[in-house]
Protein backbone atom coordinates (compact mmCIF):
# COMPACT_ATOMS: atom_id res chain seq x y z
CA MET A 1 0.00 0.00 0.00
CA GLY A 2 1.20 3.46 -0.87
CA LEU A 3 0.48 6.82 0.70
CA PRO A 4 -3.34 7.18 0.71
CA ILE A 5 -4.46 10.27 -1.21
CA VAL A 6 -8.06 11.42 -1.67
CA PHE A 7 -8.22 13.48 -4.86
CA ALA A 8 -11.23 15.44 -6.14
CA GLY A 9 -11.29 16.12 -9.86
CA THR A 10 -13.14 15.90 -13.13
CA ASP A 11 -13.31 12.77 -15.29
CA TYR A 12 -11.75 14.07 -18.51
CA PRO A 13 -11.63 11.08 -20.90
CA ASP A 14 -8.46 12.22 -22.66
CA ARG A 15 -6.60 13.38 -19.54
CA THR A 16 -7.68 11.88 -16.23
CA VAL A 17 -9.76 8.74 -16.83
CA PRO A 18 -6.63 6.50 -17.00
CA LEU A 19 -5.89 7.66 -13.43
CA ILE A 20 -9.47 7.08 -12.33
CA ASP A 21 -9.76 3.56 -13.75
CA GLY A 22 -6.37 2.52 -12.40
CA ARG A 23 -4.46 2.05 -15.64
CA VAL A 24 -2.04 4.68 -14.34
CA LYS A 25 -0.95 4.40 -10.71
CA PRO A 26 1.23 7.10 -9.14
CA GLU A 27 4.34 5.48 -7.70
CA GLY A 28 4.10 5.17 -3.92
CA ILE A 29 0.56 6.59 -3.83
CA ASP A 30 -2.75 4.85 -3.22
CA LEU A 31 -4.99 7.25 -5.13
CA ARG A 32 -8.70 7.43 -4.38
CA TRP A 33 -10.38 9.66 -6.98
CA LEU A 34 -13.63 11.43 -6.16
CA VAL A 35 -15.29 12.63 -9.35
CA ASP A 36 -16.42 16.17 -8.67
CA TYR A 37 -16.90 19.26 -10.77
CA PRO A 38 -15.66 22.86 -10.70
CA GLY A 39 -17.42 25.29 -8.46
CA ASP A 40 -18.40 23.17 -5.51
CA MET A 41 -15.11 21.25 -5.63
CA PHE A 42 -13.10 24.49 -5.49
CA ARG A 43 -15.24 25.85 -2.67
CA ARG A 44 -14.90 22.67 -0.63
CA MET A 45 -11.12 22.66 -1.02
CA LEU A 46 -10.47 26.39 -0.53
CA GLN A 47 -12.83 26.90 2.39
CA PHE A 48 -12.76 23.52 4.15
CA GLU A 49 -9.70 21.61 2.83
CA GLU A 50 -11.87 18.52 2.38
CA PHE A 51 -9.43 16.66 0.11
CA ASP A 52 -5.75 15.74 0.18
CA ALA A 53 -5.40 17.10 -3.35
CA SER A 54 -7.74 18.42 -6.00
CA GLU A 55 -8.28 20.10 -9.30
CA MET A 56 -8.24 23.86 -8.71
CA SER A 57 -9.03 27.16 -10.41
CA ILE A 58 -5.76 28.84 -11.36
CA ALA A 59 -7.27 32.25 -10.64
CA PHE A 60 -8.56 31.45 -7.17
CA PHE A 61 -5.30 29.73 -6.26
CA THR A 62 -3.38 32.79 -7.45
CA ALA A 63 -5.71 34.95 -5.37
CA VAL A 64 -5.12 33.06 -2.13
CA VAL A 65 -1.34 32.90 -2.69
CA SER A 66 -1.28 36.67 -3.24
CA ARG A 67 -2.88 37.05 0.19
CA GLY A 68 -0.15 35.03 1.92
CA ASP A 69 -2.29 31.87 2.17
CA ARG A 70 0.13 28.92 1.93
CA ARG A 71 -2.21 26.03 2.69
CA PHE A 72 -1.72 24.49 -0.77
CA VAL A 73 1.04 23.82 -3.27
CA GLY A 74 0.56 23.10 -6.96
CA ILE A 75 1.91 20.82 -9.64
CA PRO A 76 2.05 22.03 -13.28
CA ALA A 77 -0.61 19.72 -14.67
CA LEU A 78 -2.86 22.34 -16.25
CA LEU A 79 -5.92 20.20 -16.77
CA ILE A 80 -8.28 22.27 -18.87
CA GLY A 81 -8.46 25.41 -20.91
CA HIS A 82 -10.39 27.05 -23.72
CA PHE A 83 -10.09 29.92 -26.10
CA ARG A 84 -12.76 32.36 -24.93
CA HIS A 85 -13.69 34.59 -27.87
CA GLY A 86 -16.84 32.53 -28.42
CA TYR A 87 -18.14 32.86 -24.86
CA ILE A 88 -19.47 36.43 -24.99
CA PHE A 89 -23.23 36.55 -25.52
CA VAL A 90 -25.45 39.61 -25.98
CA ARG A 91 -29.09 40.41 -26.61
CA SER A 92 -29.80 40.51 -30.33
CA ASP A 93 -31.79 43.73 -29.94
CA GLY A 94 -29.44 45.38 -27.45
CA GLY A 95 -27.41 47.44 -29.89
CA ILE A 96 -24.12 45.81 -28.89
CA GLU A 97 -22.31 45.00 -32.12
CA LYS A 98 -18.64 45.14 -31.13
CA PRO A 99 -16.65 44.63 -27.90
CA SER A 100 -16.17 48.36 -27.30
CA ASP A 101 -19.96 48.67 -27.01
CA LEU A 102 -19.76 46.78 -23.69
CA ALA A 103 -18.32 49.83 -21.92
CA GLY A 104 -20.86 51.04 -19.39
CA LYS A 105 -23.04 47.94 -19.81
CA ARG A 106 -24.36 45.32 -17.38
CA VAL A 107 -22.54 42.02 -17.93
CA GLY A 108 -23.32 38.82 -16.06
CA LEU A 109 -21.02 35.94 -15.13
CA PRO A 110 -21.23 33.17 -12.51
CA GLU A 111 -18.50 34.64 -10.28
CA TYR A 112 -16.19 37.60 -10.78
CA GLY A 113 -13.11 35.66 -9.67
CA MET A 114 -13.53 32.64 -11.96
CA THR A 115 -10.66 31.96 -14.37
CA ALA A 116 -12.81 31.90 -17.51
CA GLY A 117 -14.08 35.39 -16.70
CA ILE A 118 -10.54 36.64 -16.18
CA TRP A 119 -9.45 35.45 -19.61
CA ILE A 120 -12.48 37.08 -21.24
CA ARG A 121 -11.99 40.38 -19.40
CA ALA A 122 -8.33 40.29 -20.46
CA LEU A 123 -9.42 39.86 -24.07
CA LEU A 124 -11.76 42.83 -23.73
CA GLN A 125 -9.05 44.97 -22.17
CA HIS A 126 -5.95 44.01 -24.14
CA GLU A 127 -7.51 43.23 -27.51
CA TYR A 128 -10.42 45.70 -27.59
CA GLY A 129 -9.64 48.45 -25.06
CA VAL A 130 -12.51 47.77 -22.60
CA LYS A 131 -11.14 47.76 -19.04
CA PRO A 132 -12.85 45.75 -16.27
CA GLN A 133 -13.59 49.05 -14.52
CA ASP A 134 -15.61 50.15 -17.56
CA VAL A 135 -18.26 47.46 -17.03
CA HIS A 136 -20.84 46.81 -14.30
CA TRP A 137 -20.44 43.10 -13.44
CA HIS A 138 -23.34 41.00 -12.15
CA GLN A 139 -22.59 37.59 -10.61
CA GLY A 140 -24.99 34.82 -9.71
CA GLY A 141 -26.52 31.53 -10.79
CA TRP A 142 -26.10 30.82 -14.50
CA GLU A 143 -29.29 28.90 -15.26
CA SER A 144 -30.22 27.81 -11.73
CA PRO A 145 -30.89 30.35 -8.96
CA GLY A 146 -28.43 30.76 -6.11
CA PHE A 147 -24.89 31.97 -5.58
CA ALA A 148 -22.16 30.47 -3.39
CA SER A 149 -18.72 32.03 -3.57
CA ARG A 150 -15.84 29.63 -4.04
CA PHE A 151 -13.72 31.83 -1.79
CA PRO A 152 -14.51 35.36 -0.57
CA LEU A 153 -12.31 37.97 -2.24
CA ASP A 154 -12.22 41.59 -1.14
CA ILE A 155 -12.22 43.11 -4.61
CA PRO A 156 -11.35 46.85 -4.75
CA ALA A 157 -14.35 49.17 -5.07
CA GLU A 158 -13.18 50.44 -8.47
CA PHE A 159 -14.51 47.17 -9.90
CA ARG A 160 -18.31 47.36 -9.83
CA ILE A 161 -19.71 43.96 -8.84
CA THR A 162 -23.32 43.19 -7.92
CA THR A 163 -24.69 39.82 -6.83
CA ILE A 164 -28.09 39.25 -8.43
CA PRO A 165 -31.11 38.21 -6.28
CA GLU A 166 -31.09 34.62 -5.05
CA ASP A 167 -34.25 33.78 -7.00
CA LYS A 168 -32.90 35.06 -10.33
CA THR A 169 -30.58 33.61 -12.97
CA LEU A 170 -28.11 35.33 -15.26
CA VAL A 171 -29.55 33.77 -18.41
CA GLY A 172 -33.04 34.76 -17.32
CA GLN A 173 -31.97 38.34 -16.68
CA LEU A 174 -30.34 38.54 -20.10
CA LEU A 175 -33.56 37.34 -21.73
CA ASP A 176 -35.58 39.81 -19.63
CA GLY A 177 -33.34 42.73 -20.58
CA GLN A 178 -31.99 43.25 -17.06
CA LEU A 179 -28.51 42.38 -18.35
CA ASP A 180 -26.90 43.44 -21.60
CA ALA A 181 -24.42 40.57 -21.99
CA LEU A 182 -23.12 37.35 -20.47
CA ILE A 183 -19.63 35.89 -20.25
CA GLY A 184 -18.60 32.61 -18.69
CA PRO A 185 -17.47 29.04 -19.18
CA GLY A 186 -20.58 27.80 -20.94
CA VAL A 187 -23.12 28.43 -23.69
CA PRO A 188 -26.63 29.51 -22.62
CA THR A 189 -29.18 26.78 -23.22
CA PRO A 190 -31.61 29.11 -25.05
CA PHE A 191 -28.84 29.94 -27.53
CA LYS A 192 -28.17 26.24 -28.12
CA ARG A 193 -31.87 25.80 -28.84
CA GLY A 194 -31.88 28.58 -31.39
CA ASP A 195 -33.42 31.39 -29.34
CA LYS A 196 -32.98 34.43 -31.57
CA ARG A 197 -32.97 36.82 -28.61
CA ILE A 198 -29.35 35.85 -27.89
CA LYS A 199 -26.35 36.01 -30.18
CA ARG A 200 -22.59 35.69 -29.99
CA LEU A 201 -20.83 39.03 -29.92
CA LEU A 202 -17.97 37.53 -31.96
CA PRO A 203 -19.55 34.99 -34.33
CA ASN A 204 -16.24 34.48 -36.19
CA PHE A 205 -14.62 33.35 -32.94
CA ARG A 206 -12.72 30.42 -34.48
CA GLU A 207 -10.90 32.74 -36.86
CA LEU A 208 -10.19 35.22 -34.07
CA GLU A 209 -8.95 32.52 -31.69
CA ARG A 210 -6.56 31.08 -34.23
CA ASP A 211 -5.18 34.55 -34.96
CA TYR A 212 -4.91 35.24 -31.22
CA TYR A 213 -2.87 32.08 -30.70
CA ARG A 214 -0.65 32.88 -33.68
CA ARG A 215 0.07 36.38 -32.34
CA THR A 216 0.34 35.70 -28.61
CA GLY A 217 1.23 32.02 -28.28
CA LEU A 218 -1.39 31.79 -25.53
CA PHE A 219 -3.80 28.87 -25.21
CA PRO A 220 -5.72 29.95 -22.07
CA LYS A 221 -5.66 27.45 -19.21
CA ASP A 222 -8.19 27.41 -16.37
CA HIS A 223 -7.42 24.59 -13.92
CA MET A 224 -4.38 23.04 -12.26
CA VAL A 225 -3.70 20.54 -9.46
CA VAL A 226 -3.04 21.44 -5.82
CA ILE A 227 -1.99 19.43 -2.76
CA ARG A 228 -2.51 20.33 0.87
CA ARG A 229 0.85 21.77 1.89
CA GLU A 230 0.94 19.98 5.24
CA LEU A 231 0.74 16.62 3.44
CA TYR A 232 3.25 17.70 0.81
CA GLU A 233 5.80 18.89 3.39
CA GLN A 234 5.64 15.48 5.06
CA ASN A 235 6.07 13.67 1.73
CA ARG A 236 7.98 15.92 -0.64
CA TRP A 237 8.46 13.11 -3.16
CA MET A 238 4.73 12.88 -3.83
CA ALA A 239 4.55 16.06 -5.93
CA THR A 240 6.86 14.67 -8.61
CA ASN A 241 5.24 11.23 -8.58
CA LEU A 242 1.75 12.65 -8.87
CA TYR A 243 2.83 14.98 -11.65
CA ARG A 244 4.39 12.12 -13.61
CA ALA A 245 1.19 10.12 -13.25
CA PHE A 246 -0.92 12.98 -14.61
CA ASN A 247 1.41 13.19 -17.60
CA GLN A 248 1.16 9.46 -18.25
CA ALA A 249 -2.63 9.55 -18.03
CA LYS A 250 -2.80 12.49 -20.45
CA ASP A 251 -0.59 10.76 -23.01
CA ILE A 252 -2.57 7.52 -22.83
CA GLY A 253 -5.91 9.32 -23.09
CA TRP A 254 -4.86 11.49 -26.03
CA ASN A 255 -3.35 8.61 -27.98
CA GLU A 256 -6.49 6.53 -27.48
CA PHE A 257 -8.70 9.42 -28.54
CA VAL A 258 -6.72 10.06 -31.73
CA ALA A 259 -6.59 6.35 -32.57
CA HIS A 260 -10.33 5.82 -32.21
CA ALA A 261 -11.84 9.25 -32.94
CA SER A 262 -12.72 8.61 -36.56
CA HIS A 263 -14.45 5.33 -35.63
CA VAL A 264 -16.37 6.18 -32.47
CA SER A 265 -16.83 9.94 -32.40
CA PRO A 266 -20.26 11.27 -33.40
CA LEU A 267 -18.61 14.45 -34.69
CA PRO A 268 -18.73 14.37 -38.50
CA TRP A 269 -15.62 16.50 -39.00
CA VAL A 270 -13.49 15.08 -36.18
CA THR A 271 -10.69 14.00 -38.54
CA SER A 272 -10.33 17.45 -40.07
CA GLU A 273 -10.55 18.98 -36.58
CA LEU A 274 -7.63 16.82 -35.48
CA ASP A 275 -5.70 17.82 -38.60
CA GLU A 276 -6.24 21.49 -37.72
CA ILE A 277 -5.21 20.92 -34.08
CA ASN A 278 -2.05 19.20 -35.25
CA GLU A 279 -1.32 22.04 -37.66
CA VAL A 280 -1.81 24.74 -35.02
CA PHE A 281 -0.43 23.03 -31.91
CA GLY A 282 1.82 20.33 -33.31
CA GLY A 283 -0.12 17.64 -31.45
CA ASN A 284 -1.96 17.52 -28.14
CA PRO A 285 -2.78 21.10 -27.09
CA TYR A 286 -2.72 20.03 -23.44
CA GLN A 287 0.96 20.03 -22.62
CA TYR A 288 1.92 20.05 -18.95
CA GLY A 289 5.03 21.48 -17.36
CA PHE A 290 6.07 24.78 -15.78
CA GLN A 291 8.48 26.10 -18.41
CA ARG A 292 6.25 24.99 -21.26
CA ASN A 293 3.30 26.91 -19.79
CA LEU A 294 5.21 29.87 -18.39
CA PRO A 295 3.82 32.42 -20.90
CA VAL A 296 0.25 31.40 -20.01
CA LEU A 297 1.02 31.45 -16.29
CA GLU A 298 2.67 34.88 -16.53
CA ALA A 299 -0.39 36.16 -18.37
CA ILE A 300 -3.03 34.81 -15.98
CA THR A 301 -1.17 35.96 -12.86
CA GLN A 302 -0.81 39.44 -14.40
CA TYR A 303 -4.50 39.54 -15.32
CA CYS A 304 -5.48 38.46 -11.79
CA TYR A 305 -3.61 41.46 -10.44
CA GLU A 306 -4.97 43.89 -13.05
CA GLN A 307 -8.55 42.83 -12.35
CA GLY A 308 -8.38 43.06 -8.56
CA ILE A 309 -8.44 39.30 -7.97
CA ALA A 310 -4.88 39.12 -6.64
CA LYS A 311 -3.41 41.55 -4.12
CA ARG A 312 -0.10 41.60 -5.98
CA LYS A 313 1.48 40.18 -9.11
CA VAL A 314 2.30 36.60 -8.17
CA ASP A 315 5.45 35.01 -9.60
CA PRO A 316 4.17 31.81 -11.28
CA ALA A 317 6.91 29.79 -9.56
CA GLU A 318 5.24 30.57 -6.21
CA LEU A 319 2.30 28.39 -7.21
CA PHE A 320 4.22 25.14 -7.62
CA ALA A 321 6.28 22.61 -5.74
CA PRO A 322 9.96 23.38 -6.49
CA GLU A 323 10.55 19.72 -7.42
CA THR A 324 8.22 20.10 -10.41
CA LEU A 325 9.51 23.36 -11.89
CA GLY A 326 12.13 21.77 -14.12
CA ASN A 327 10.30 18.55 -14.89
CA GLU A 328 9.16 18.86 -18.50
CA THR A 329 8.12 15.27 -19.19
CA HIS A 330 5.41 15.06 -21.82
């Protein structure tokens, strides 16, 4: 038996399932995986330290580190990310036709501190000249009422943030005209169903995202892995072993996906999609490692500071176990 570790994380088929089903076993670790999902998982870890290790929002982890909170230490397995140009939605009749039109408007998102929102606000600021201070932000339940903060952040008053009523939803308020736009990690259900009251602000998002990556080299990442520092300090070897296991699981999952995608995927253009991914990224876009992801980490830690999430600009190296900083296994 190895060191028992309770880990809370998402079951990504191409990244973590080989760890969950036991095909990959971290050396010296008896890993018990609890399948959980962002939001509640982050809250449970940040506020109550319920797990030995977990998937974690990069932004919230940066925020707590900037406040001198050293309860956790990370490993550079950046589990998920998305380009975000396609996640800005507006009312079709609202007169918002370009990003600069969002200045002075009411924009909803599930929580001001969430990493997806930070990437989108950074796009608005650095690509289109709309600063976070130019917008009135409304946070709350996306399509179900209720709001529970992952971790309370004392955001400076220059950033206007309102929590919507507990019995309201952001999507509902957009449809009712109480909000002008939505940003976040998902696509509103009415839009998926063809509701003409909602549209994407940037309908040519794929073209814009590819150009963004070509110019900046940034593929935005949202989540990483953290370990309770007390456990890590007692077992310093575990950070490297856990990191290696995450890499092995990612490689197995990606290779299986590529090998079988054209046979089992319901996506009609999956082969051409993989050809495009290979052309743009040179293979799997999810590459772990500190040095390999340093430009993304420098960007997100800078944006956290600019947007009032972090108290100071955090050096990305502060987020990770020193043993993992030079380990660039793929």
